[in-house]
Protein backbone atom coordinates (compact mmCIF):
# COMPACT_ATOMS: atom_id res chain seq x y z
CA MET A 1 3.23 1.91 3.11
CA VAL A 2 4.42 5.49 3.44
CA THR A 3 2.22 8.01 5.24
CA ASN A 4 2.30 11.42 6.84
CA GLY A 5 -1.07 10.87 8.53
CA SER A 6 -3.26 12.37 5.82
CA SER A 7 -1.56 11.03 2.67
CA TYR A 8 -0.80 7.41 1.86
CA ALA A 9 1.28 5.69 -0.80
CA PHE A 10 2.38 2.09 -1.20
CA LEU A 11 5.86 1.05 -2.30
CA LYS A 12 6.72 -2.27 -3.94
CA LEU A 13 10.15 -3.82 -4.37
CA VAL A 14 10.73 -6.60 -6.88
CA GLN A 15 14.06 -8.27 -6.25
CA GLN A 16 15.34 -9.50 -9.59
CA PRO A 17 18.94 -9.34 -10.72
CA THR A 18 18.45 -5.56 -10.48
CA PRO A 19 16.01 -4.38 -7.76
CA GLN A 20 13.06 -2.43 -9.16
CA TYR A 21 10.78 -0.16 -7.15
CA SER A 22 7.24 0.93 -7.89
CA ILE A 23 4.98 3.41 -6.10
CA SER A 24 1.19 3.65 -6.06
CA ASP A 25 -0.81 6.79 -6.59
CA ILE A 26 -0.91 9.04 -3.53
CA MET A 27 -4.19 8.76 -1.67
CA LEU A 28 -5.31 11.80 0.32
CA LEU A 29 -7.72 11.80 3.23
CA LEU A 30 -9.86 14.79 2.37
CA PRO A 31 -13.39 15.61 3.51
CA GLY A 32 -15.84 14.23 0.97
CA HIS A 33 -13.25 11.95 -0.69
CA PRO A 34 -13.43 8.56 1.02
CA CYS A 35 -10.13 6.87 0.18
CA LEU A 36 -9.60 5.35 3.63
CA HIS A 37 -11.55 2.25 2.54
CA GLN A 38 -9.08 1.80 -0.35
CA VAL A 39 -6.11 2.09 2.02
CA LEU A 40 -7.65 -0.44 4.42
CA ALA A 41 -8.51 -2.84 1.58
CA ILE A 42 -4.91 -2.73 0.33
CA MET A 43 -3.57 -3.32 3.85
CA LYS A 44 -5.98 -6.26 4.29
CA GLN A 45 -4.81 -7.80 1.00
CA ILE A 46 -1.15 -7.40 2.00
CA GLY A 47 -1.90 -9.06 5.35
CA GLN A 48 -3.60 -12.01 3.64
CA GLU A 49 -0.66 -12.46 1.29
CA LEU A 50 1.81 -12.36 4.18
CA ARG A 51 -0.19 -14.97 6.09
CA SER A 52 -0.25 -17.28 3.06
CA VAL A 53 3.54 -16.93 2.63
CA ASN A 54 4.18 -17.78 6.30
CA ARG A 55 2.20 -21.05 6.16
């Protein structure tokens, strides 16, 4: 996750023979545009995936 406090983006690295990067859309925290729930849902999903990998 990359953030400046009011904007969020997620980066993904796929390590294949040649590393490939991908970036999500930028999500802005603006009055009247509730994207914080999307950011938190993505972070929750990442946390669940990390817990399943560490088992």
